[in-house]
Amino acid sequence: MKNKIIWVTGASTGIGKAIAEKFSSKGCTVVITARSKSRLDDIVKEIRLTGREAMAYVCDVSSERSVIHTAKKIQEKYGTIDVLINNAGATVFKSFLDTETKDYDNVIDTNLKGPFLCMKAVLPQMIRKKTGSIINILSVAANTTFENSSVYSASKAGMQAMASCIRKEVRKHNIKICNIYPGAVETDMWDIKARQQFRNRMMTPADIGDIAFDVYNKPERLMVEDLVVRPVKGDL
């Protein structure tokens, strides 16, 4: 694990932060990215205090230039990217008619275009090495109907379809692609009122961090393709 380089997008808070901390605790070198660097720096400092290696870069996954630049910097510093974790996400809880074009652009660009760009950036070197892993943090909304989540659901369903096609194309190169579909997780994606009301029914970011590492830490001969995880009491 000490030689493995893990790139986690959207890692400044919530699930991304928990995933980075879990992989780091197992000895991996984590590279964390987000649109703002201040929180990333704090996470890196905490990890380095334990004697482990971490690096942070500002990256807007909706920008092709930003993603290419970030991937290049990671590979220049560490020589490779062994695992990409597509976690960066955005949503709006609005009815379809209340959803504005700017909301649509933000959600689709972050949740669908972002992973597209990040996978394009890492797959060539994974194919050359004949090894690599990509873990996509999706949502049960990809397959479950919720009110006030039409664009978010569309972005996750689109990501599911895209990732499944890519998996079919690259598995011959020994590259693993797993889609994780969490139900409700207590993160900043929910407003304060909802978190206070439903906290006891939500999973924690650390739960998803544990699952993401477990998915990765499987024998080379097998691949977890799709994994749904929900709170024991079901969807909210």
C-alpha atoms as a PDB file:
ATOM      1  CA  MET A   1       0.000   0.000   0.000  1.00  0.00           C
ATOM      2  CA  LYS A   2       2.866   2.399   0.686  1.00  0.00           C
ATOM      3  CA  ASN A   3       3.667   2.611  -3.015  1.00  0.00           C
ATOM      4  CA  LYS A   4       0.072   3.216  -4.135  1.00  0.00           C
ATOM      5  CA  ILE A   5      -0.935   6.697  -5.312  1.00  0.00           C
ATOM      6  CA  ILE A   6      -4.609   7.513  -4.760  1.00  0.00           C
ATOM      7  CA  TRP A   7      -6.298  10.555  -6.329  1.00  0.00           C
ATOM      8  CA  VAL A   8      -9.533  11.567  -4.574  1.00  0.00           C
ATOM      9  CA  THR A   9     -11.654  14.335  -6.091  1.00  0.00           C
ATOM     10  CA  GLY A  10     -14.001  16.462  -4.000  1.00  0.00           C
ATOM     11  CA  ALA A  11     -11.942  15.590  -0.936  1.00  0.00           C
ATOM     12  CA  SER A  12     -12.213  18.740   1.176  1.00  0.00           C
ATOM     13  CA  THR A  13     -15.213  17.504   3.187  1.00  0.00           C
ATOM     14  CA  GLY A  14     -17.602  14.627   3.675  1.00  0.00           C
ATOM     15  CA  ILE A  15     -17.200  11.367   1.802  1.00  0.00           C
ATOM     16  CA  GLY A  16     -14.099  12.443  -0.132  1.00  0.00           C
ATOM     17  CA  LYS A  17     -12.282  13.456   3.042  1.00  0.00           C
ATOM     18  CA  ALA A  18     -13.254  10.197   4.746  1.00  0.00           C
ATOM     19  CA  ILE A  19     -12.063   8.144   1.768  1.00  0.00           C
ATOM     20  CA  ALA A  20      -8.721   9.956   1.726  1.00  0.00           C
ATOM     21  CA  GLU A  21      -8.258   9.425   5.458  1.00  0.00           C
ATOM     22  CA  LYS A  22      -9.091   5.721   5.171  1.00  0.00           C
ATOM     23  CA  PHE A  23      -6.682   5.049   2.321  1.00  0.00           C
ATOM     24  CA  SER A  24      -4.007   7.071   4.102  1.00  0.00           C
ATOM     25  CA  SER A  25      -4.480   5.076   7.314  1.00  0.00           C
ATOM     26  CA  LYS A  26      -3.688   1.956   5.304  1.00  0.00           C
ATOM     27  CA  GLY A  27      -0.389   3.396   4.100  1.00  0.00           C
ATOM     28  CA  CYS A  28      -1.352   4.794   0.713  1.00  0.00           C
ATOM     29  CA  THR A  29      -0.154   8.158  -0.583  1.00  0.00           C
ATOM     30  CA  VAL A  30      -3.257  10.271  -1.110  1.00  0.00           C
ATOM     31  CA  VAL A  31      -3.591  13.217  -3.462  1.00  0.00           C
ATOM     32  CA  ILE A  32      -6.689  15.216  -2.605  1.00  0.00           C
ATOM     33  CA  THR A  33      -8.307  17.791  -4.850  1.00  0.00           C
ATOM     34  CA  ALA A  34     -11.208  20.222  -4.697  1.00  0.00           C
ATOM     35  CA  ARG A  35     -12.100  23.687  -5.944  1.00  0.00           C
ATOM     36  CA  SER A  36     -10.838  25.370  -2.759  1.00  0.00           C
ATOM     37  CA  LYS A  37      -7.454  24.659  -1.178  1.00  0.00           C
ATOM     38  CA  SER A  38      -7.877  25.907   2.392  1.00  0.00           C
ATOM     39  CA  ARG A  39      -9.584  22.803   3.786  1.00  0.00           C
ATOM     40  CA  LEU A  40      -7.354  20.539   1.709  1.00  0.00           C
ATOM     41  CA  ASP A  41      -4.259  22.002   3.343  1.00  0.00           C
ATOM     42  CA  ASP A  42      -5.641  21.218   6.799  1.00  0.00           C
ATOM     43  CA  ILE A  43      -6.264  17.602   5.827  1.00  0.00           C
ATOM     44  CA  VAL A  44      -2.759  17.254   4.395  1.00  0.00           C
ATOM     45  CA  LYS A  45      -1.258  18.675   7.602  1.00  0.00           C
ATOM     46  CA  GLU A  46      -3.217  16.185   9.704  1.00  0.00           C
ATOM     47  CA  ILE A  47      -2.062  13.266   7.554  1.00  0.00           C
ATOM     48  CA  ARG A  48       1.567  14.367   7.545  1.00  0.00           C
ATOM     49  CA  LEU A  49       1.533  14.640  11.347  1.00  0.00           C
ATOM     50  CA  THR A  50       1.064  10.862  11.353  1.00  0.00           C
ATOM     51  CA  GLY A  51       4.173  10.432   9.218  1.00  0.00           C
ATOM     52  CA  ARG A  52       2.313   9.569   6.038  1.00  0.00           C
ATOM     53  CA  GLU A  53       2.532  11.302   2.653  1.00  0.00           C
ATOM     54  CA  ALA A  54      -0.235  13.444   1.174  1.00  0.00           C
ATOM     55  CA  MET A  55      -0.540  16.240  -1.350  1.00  0.00           C
ATOM     56  CA  ALA A  56      -3.306  18.702  -2.232  1.00  0.00           C
ATOM     57  CA  TYR A  57      -4.071  20.500  -5.470  1.00  0.00           C
ATOM     58  CA  VAL A  58      -6.844  22.819  -6.519  1.00  0.00           C
ATOM     59  CA  CYS A  59      -8.809  21.186  -9.328  1.00  0.00           C
ATOM     60  CA  ASP A  60     -12.127  22.046 -10.910  1.00  0.00           C
ATOM     61  CA  VAL A  61     -13.263  18.729 -12.366  1.00  0.00           C
ATOM     62  CA  SER A  62     -15.621  20.489 -14.771  1.00  0.00           C
ATOM     63  CA  SER A  63     -12.635  22.151 -16.473  1.00  0.00           C
ATOM     64  CA  GLU A  64     -10.668  20.038 -18.946  1.00  0.00           C
ATOM     65  CA  ARG A  65      -7.646  22.296 -18.573  1.00  0.00           C
ATOM     66  CA  SER A  66      -7.715  22.009 -14.775  1.00  0.00           C
ATOM     67  CA  VAL A  67      -8.068  18.217 -14.810  1.00  0.00           C
ATOM     68  CA  ILE A  68      -5.274  17.685 -17.345  1.00  0.00           C
ATOM     69  CA  HIS A  69      -2.990  20.052 -15.434  1.00  0.00           C
ATOM     70  CA  THR A  70      -3.707  18.299 -12.121  1.00  0.00           C
ATOM     71  CA  ALA A  71      -3.179  14.790 -13.497  1.00  0.00           C
ATOM     72  CA  LYS A  72       0.089  15.912 -15.026  1.00  0.00           C
ATOM     73  CA  LYS A  73       1.308  17.366 -11.716  1.00  0.00           C
ATOM     74  CA  ILE A  74       0.445  14.182  -9.839  1.00  0.00           C
ATOM     75  CA  GLN A  75       2.257  11.998 -12.350  1.00  0.00           C
ATOM     76  CA  GLU A  76       5.271  14.299 -12.431  1.00  0.00           C
ATOM     77  CA  LYS A  77       5.589  14.142  -8.642  1.00  0.00           C
ATOM     78  CA  TYR A  78       4.759  10.484  -8.025  1.00  0.00           C
ATOM     79  CA  GLY A  79       5.260   8.850 -11.409  1.00  0.00           C
ATOM     80  CA  THR A  80       1.808   7.275 -11.589  1.00  0.00           C
ATOM     81  CA  ILE A  81      -1.812   7.284 -10.453  1.00  0.00           C
ATOM     82  CA  ASP A  82      -2.839   3.839  -9.229  1.00  0.00           C
ATOM     83  CA  VAL A  83      -6.378   4.655  -8.120  1.00  0.00           C
ATOM     84  CA  LEU A  84      -8.802   7.391  -9.158  1.00  0.00           C
ATOM     85  CA  ILE A  85     -11.780   7.995  -6.897  1.00  0.00           C
ATOM     86  CA  ASN A  86     -14.415  10.122  -8.602  1.00  0.00           C
ATOM     87  CA  ASN A  87     -16.198  11.649  -5.644  1.00  0.00           C
ATOM     88  CA  ALA A  88     -16.704  15.340  -6.489  1.00  0.00           C
ATOM     89  CA  GLY A  89     -20.413  16.016  -6.689  1.00  0.00           C
ATOM     90  CA  ALA A  90     -23.091  18.702  -6.731  1.00  0.00           C
ATOM     91  CA  THR A  91     -26.867  18.795  -6.465  1.00  0.00           C
ATOM     92  CA  VAL A  92     -29.887  21.055  -6.075  1.00  0.00           C
ATOM     93  CA  PHE A  93     -33.060  19.996  -4.300  1.00  0.00           C
ATOM     94  CA  LYS A  94     -35.563  21.667  -6.620  1.00  0.00           C
ATOM     95  CA  SER A  95     -38.557  20.585  -8.629  1.00  0.00           C
ATOM     96  CA  PHE A  96     -37.948  20.171 -12.338  1.00  0.00           C
ATOM     97  CA  LEU A  97     -39.759  23.407 -13.179  1.00  0.00           C
ATOM     98  CA  ASP A  98     -37.814  25.335 -10.550  1.00  0.00           C
ATOM     99  CA  THR A  99     -34.469  23.984 -11.753  1.00  0.00           C
ATOM    100  CA  GLU A 100     -32.656  26.668 -13.708  1.00  0.00           C
ATOM    101  CA  THR A 101     -30.249  26.162 -16.590  1.00  0.00           C
ATOM    102  CA  LYS A 102     -27.343  27.240 -14.381  1.00  0.00           C
ATOM    103  CA  ASP A 103     -28.324  24.510 -11.888  1.00  0.00           C
ATOM    104  CA  TYR A 104     -28.388  21.949 -14.681  1.00  0.00           C
ATOM    105  CA  ASP A 105     -24.975  23.036 -15.968  1.00  0.00           C
ATOM    106  CA  ASN A 106     -23.379  22.896 -12.524  1.00  0.00           C
ATOM    107  CA  VAL A 107     -24.752  19.449 -11.644  1.00  0.00           C
ATOM    108  CA  ILE A 108     -24.090  17.821 -15.013  1.00  0.00           C
ATOM    109  CA  ASP A 109     -20.640  19.409 -15.405  1.00  0.00           C
ATOM    110  CA  THR A 110     -19.578  18.280 -11.928  1.00  0.00           C
ATOM    111  CA  ASN A 111     -21.211  14.861 -11.734  1.00  0.00           C
ATOM    112  CA  LEU A 112     -20.896  13.636 -15.321  1.00  0.00           C
ATOM    113  CA  LYS A 113     -18.398  15.731 -17.245  1.00  0.00           C
ATOM    114  CA  GLY A 114     -16.012  15.751 -14.265  1.00  0.00           C
ATOM    115  CA  PRO A 115     -15.589  11.963 -14.029  1.00  0.00           C
ATOM    116  CA  PHE A 116     -15.402  11.796 -17.838  1.00  0.00           C
ATOM    117  CA  LEU A 117     -12.448  14.190 -17.827  1.00  0.00           C
ATOM    118  CA  CYS A 118     -10.714  12.550 -14.863  1.00  0.00           C
ATOM    119  CA  MET A 119     -10.988   9.064 -16.344  1.00  0.00           C
ATOM    120  CA  LYS A 120      -9.690  10.334 -19.685  1.00  0.00           C
ATOM    121  CA  ALA A 121      -6.710  11.773 -17.808  1.00  0.00           C
ATOM    122  CA  VAL A 122      -5.707   8.588 -15.960  1.00  0.00           C
ATOM    123  CA  LEU A 123      -6.716   5.700 -18.215  1.00  0.00           C
ATOM    124  CA  PRO A 124      -3.901   5.983 -20.804  1.00  0.00           C
ATOM    125  CA  GLN A 125      -1.201   5.395 -18.191  1.00  0.00           C
ATOM    126  CA  MET A 126      -3.249   2.661 -16.510  1.00  0.00           C
ATOM    127  CA  ILE A 127      -3.599   0.905 -19.870  1.00  0.00           C
ATOM    128  CA  ARG A 128       0.159   1.169 -20.442  1.00  0.00           C
ATOM    129  CA  LYS A 129       0.824  -0.393 -17.034  1.00  0.00           C
ATOM    130  CA  LYS A 130      -1.906  -3.013 -17.470  1.00  0.00           C
ATOM    131  CA  THR A 131      -3.275  -2.211 -14.019  1.00  0.00           C
ATOM    132  CA  GLY A 132      -5.338   0.395 -12.216  1.00  0.00           C
ATOM    133  CA  SER A 133      -8.559   1.020 -10.324  1.00  0.00           C
ATOM    134  CA  ILE A 134     -11.324   3.599 -10.656  1.00  0.00           C
ATOM    135  CA  ILE A 135     -13.984   3.936  -7.974  1.00  0.00           C
ATOM    136  CA  ASN A 136     -16.989   6.115  -8.735  1.00  0.00           C
ATOM    137  CA  ILE A 137     -19.123   7.426  -5.893  1.00  0.00           C
ATOM    138  CA  LEU A 138     -22.590   7.556  -7.437  1.00  0.00           C
ATOM    139  CA  SER A 139     -25.941   7.457  -5.605  1.00  0.00           C
ATOM    140  CA  VAL A 140     -28.991   5.265  -5.268  1.00  0.00           C
ATOM    141  CA  ALA A 141     -30.657   8.139  -7.145  1.00  0.00           C
ATOM    142  CA  ALA A 142     -29.211   6.596 -10.322  1.00  0.00           C
ATOM    143  CA  ASN A 143     -31.820   3.841 -10.040  1.00  0.00           C
ATOM    144  CA  THR A 144     -34.391   5.190  -7.567  1.00  0.00           C
ATOM    145  CA  THR A 145     -36.979   7.896  -8.186  1.00  0.00           C
ATOM    146  CA  PHE A 146     -36.888  10.878  -5.829  1.00  0.00           C
ATOM    147  CA  GLU A 147     -38.816  14.112  -6.084  1.00  0.00           C
ATOM    148  CA  ASN A 148     -36.821  17.336  -6.504  1.00  0.00           C
ATOM    149  CA  SER A 149     -33.755  15.489  -7.818  1.00  0.00           C
ATOM    150  CA  SER A 150     -34.367  15.123 -11.554  1.00  0.00           C
ATOM    151  CA  VAL A 151     -31.063  16.567 -12.802  1.00  0.00           C
ATOM    152  CA  TYR A 152     -29.020  14.955 -10.021  1.00  0.00           C
ATOM    153  CA  SER A 153     -30.594  11.574 -10.803  1.00  0.00           C
ATOM    154  CA  ALA A 154     -29.937  12.064 -14.502  1.00  0.00           C
ATOM    155  CA  SER A 155     -26.275  12.858 -13.832  1.00  0.00           C
ATOM    156  CA  LYS A 156     -25.820   9.733 -11.714  1.00  0.00           C
ATOM    157  CA  ALA A 157     -27.699   7.497 -14.152  1.00  0.00           C
ATOM    158  CA  GLY A 158     -25.560   8.897 -16.958  1.00  0.00           C
ATOM    159  CA  MET A 159     -22.414   8.210 -14.961  1.00  0.00           C
ATOM    160  CA  GLN A 160     -23.571   4.666 -14.306  1.00  0.00           C
ATOM    161  CA  ALA A 161     -24.063   4.015 -18.011  1.00  0.00           C
ATOM    162  CA  MET A 162     -20.796   5.666 -19.017  1.00  0.00           C
ATOM    163  CA  ALA A 163     -18.719   3.867 -16.395  1.00  0.00           C
ATOM    164  CA  SER A 164     -20.248   0.507 -17.255  1.00  0.00           C
ATOM    165  CA  CYS A 165     -19.334   0.970 -20.917  1.00  0.00           C
ATOM    166  CA  ILE A 166     -15.793   2.037 -20.016  1.00  0.00           C
ATOM    167  CA  ARG A 167     -15.441  -1.005 -17.765  1.00  0.00           C
ATOM    168  CA  LYS A 168     -16.331  -3.223 -20.709  1.00  0.00           C
ATOM    169  CA  GLU A 169     -13.647  -1.536 -22.820  1.00  0.00           C
ATOM    170  CA  VAL A 170     -10.762  -1.617 -20.320  1.00  0.00           C
ATOM    171  CA  ARG A 171     -11.187  -4.781 -18.281  1.00  0.00           C
ATOM    172  CA  LYS A 172      -8.988  -6.581 -20.825  1.00  0.00           C
ATOM    173  CA  HIS A 173      -6.174  -4.329 -19.572  1.00  0.00           C
ATOM    174  CA  ASN A 174      -6.661  -5.567 -15.992  1.00  0.00           C
ATOM    175  CA  ILE A 175      -8.291  -2.267 -14.972  1.00  0.00           C
ATOM    176  CA  LYS A 176     -11.063  -2.370 -12.386  1.00  0.00           C
ATOM    177  CA  ILE A 177     -13.986   0.061 -12.348  1.00  0.00           C
ATOM    178  CA  CYS A 178     -16.453  -0.013  -9.479  1.00  0.00           C
ATOM    179  CA  ASN A 179     -19.582   2.085  -9.008  1.00  0.00           C
ATOM    180  CA  ILE A 180     -20.666   2.595  -5.393  1.00  0.00           C
ATOM    181  CA  TYR A 181     -24.267   3.710  -4.860  1.00  0.00           C
ATOM    182  CA  PRO A 182     -24.753   5.148  -1.363  1.00  0.00           C
ATOM    183  CA  GLY A 183     -28.106   6.015   0.105  1.00  0.00           C
ATOM    184  CA  ALA A 184     -28.402   8.936   2.521  1.00  0.00           C
ATOM    185  CA  VAL A 185     -25.063   9.981   4.035  1.00  0.00           C
ATOM    186  CA  GLU A 186     -24.751  12.818   6.546  1.00  0.00           C
ATOM    187  CA  THR A 187     -22.796  15.399   4.551  1.00  0.00           C
ATOM    188  CA  ASP A 188     -23.013  19.074   3.648  1.00  0.00           C
ATOM    189  CA  MET A 189     -25.074  18.104   0.605  1.00  0.00           C
ATOM    190  CA  TRP A 190     -28.045  18.046   3.000  1.00  0.00           C
ATOM    191  CA  ASP A 191     -29.188  21.234   4.707  1.00  0.00           C
ATOM    192  CA  ILE A 192     -28.851  21.634   8.458  1.00  0.00           C
ATOM    193  CA  LYS A 193     -32.540  21.018   9.131  1.00  0.00           C
ATOM    194  CA  ALA A 194     -32.551  17.708   7.247  1.00  0.00           C
ATOM    195  CA  ARG A 195     -29.362  16.556   8.944  1.00  0.00           C
ATOM    196  CA  GLN A 196     -30.769  17.319  12.381  1.00  0.00           C
ATOM    197  CA  GLN A 197     -34.047  15.580  11.609  1.00  0.00           C
ATOM    198  CA  PHE A 198     -32.680  12.460   9.928  1.00  0.00           C
ATOM    199  CA  ARG A 199     -29.162  12.076  11.370  1.00  0.00           C
ATOM    200  CA  ASN A 200     -30.059   8.842  13.127  1.00  0.00           C
ATOM    201  CA  ARG A 201     -31.190   7.361   9.803  1.00  0.00           C
ATOM    202  CA  MET A 202     -28.144   8.403   7.771  1.00  0.00           C
ATOM    203  CA  MET A 203     -24.862   6.651   7.170  1.00  0.00           C
ATOM    204  CA  THR A 204     -21.611   8.467   7.941  1.00  0.00           C
ATOM    205  CA  PRO A 205     -18.856   9.512   5.518  1.00  0.00           C
ATOM    206  CA  ALA A 206     -16.526   7.114   7.349  1.00  0.00           C
ATOM    207  CA  ASP A 207     -18.872   4.241   6.460  1.00  0.00           C
ATOM    208  CA  ILE A 208     -18.409   4.993   2.765  1.00  0.00           C
ATOM    209  CA  GLY A 209     -14.661   5.457   3.252  1.00  0.00           C
ATOM    210  CA  ASP A 210     -14.448   1.964   4.729  1.00  0.00           C
ATOM    211  CA  ILE A 211     -16.481   0.517   1.867  1.00  0.00           C
ATOM    212  CA  ALA A 212     -14.391   2.247  -0.797  1.00  0.00           C
ATOM    213  CA  PHE A 213     -11.185   0.839   0.648  1.00  0.00           C
ATOM    214  CA  ASP A 214     -12.708  -2.611   0.997  1.00  0.00           C
ATOM    215  CA  VAL A 215     -13.730  -2.517  -2.676  1.00  0.00           C
ATOM    216  CA  TYR A 216     -10.163  -1.651  -3.644  1.00  0.00           C
ATOM    217  CA  ASN A 217      -8.490  -4.119  -1.305  1.00  0.00           C
ATOM    218  CA  LYS A 218      -9.733  -7.243  -3.044  1.00  0.00           C
ATOM    219  CA  PRO A 219      -7.724 -10.017  -4.702  1.00  0.00           C
ATOM    220  CA  GLU A 220      -6.425  -9.152  -8.158  1.00  0.00           C
ATOM    221  CA  ARG A 221      -8.512 -11.921  -9.658  1.00  0.00           C
ATOM    222  CA  LEU A 222     -11.870 -10.307  -8.866  1.00  0.00           C
ATOM    223  CA  MET A 223     -13.642  -6.994  -9.410  1.00  0.00           C
ATOM    224  CA  VAL A 224     -16.552  -5.506  -7.497  1.00  0.00           C
ATOM    225  CA  GLU A 225     -18.548  -3.895 -10.292  1.00  0.00           C
ATOM    226  CA  ASP A 226     -21.574  -2.288  -8.612  1.00  0.00           C
ATOM    227  CA  LEU A 227     -22.256  -1.953  -4.899  1.00  0.00           C
ATOM    228  CA  VAL A 228     -25.418  -0.472  -3.339  1.00  0.00           C
ATOM    229  CA  VAL A 229     -25.283   0.602   0.315  1.00  0.00           C
ATOM    230  CA  ARG A 230     -28.242   2.041   2.177  1.00  0.00           C
ATOM    231  CA  PRO A 231     -29.060   2.948   5.777  1.00  0.00           C
ATOM    232  CA  VAL A 232     -30.581  -0.039   7.528  1.00  0.00           C
ATOM    233  CA  LYS A 233     -33.961   1.736   7.657  1.00  0.00           C
ATOM    234  CA  GLY A 234     -33.894   2.495   3.925  1.00  0.00           C
ATOM    235  CA  ASP A 235     -34.110   5.684   1.877  1.00  0.00           C
ATOM    236  CA  LEU A 236     -35.334   8.934   3.361  1.00  0.00           C
END
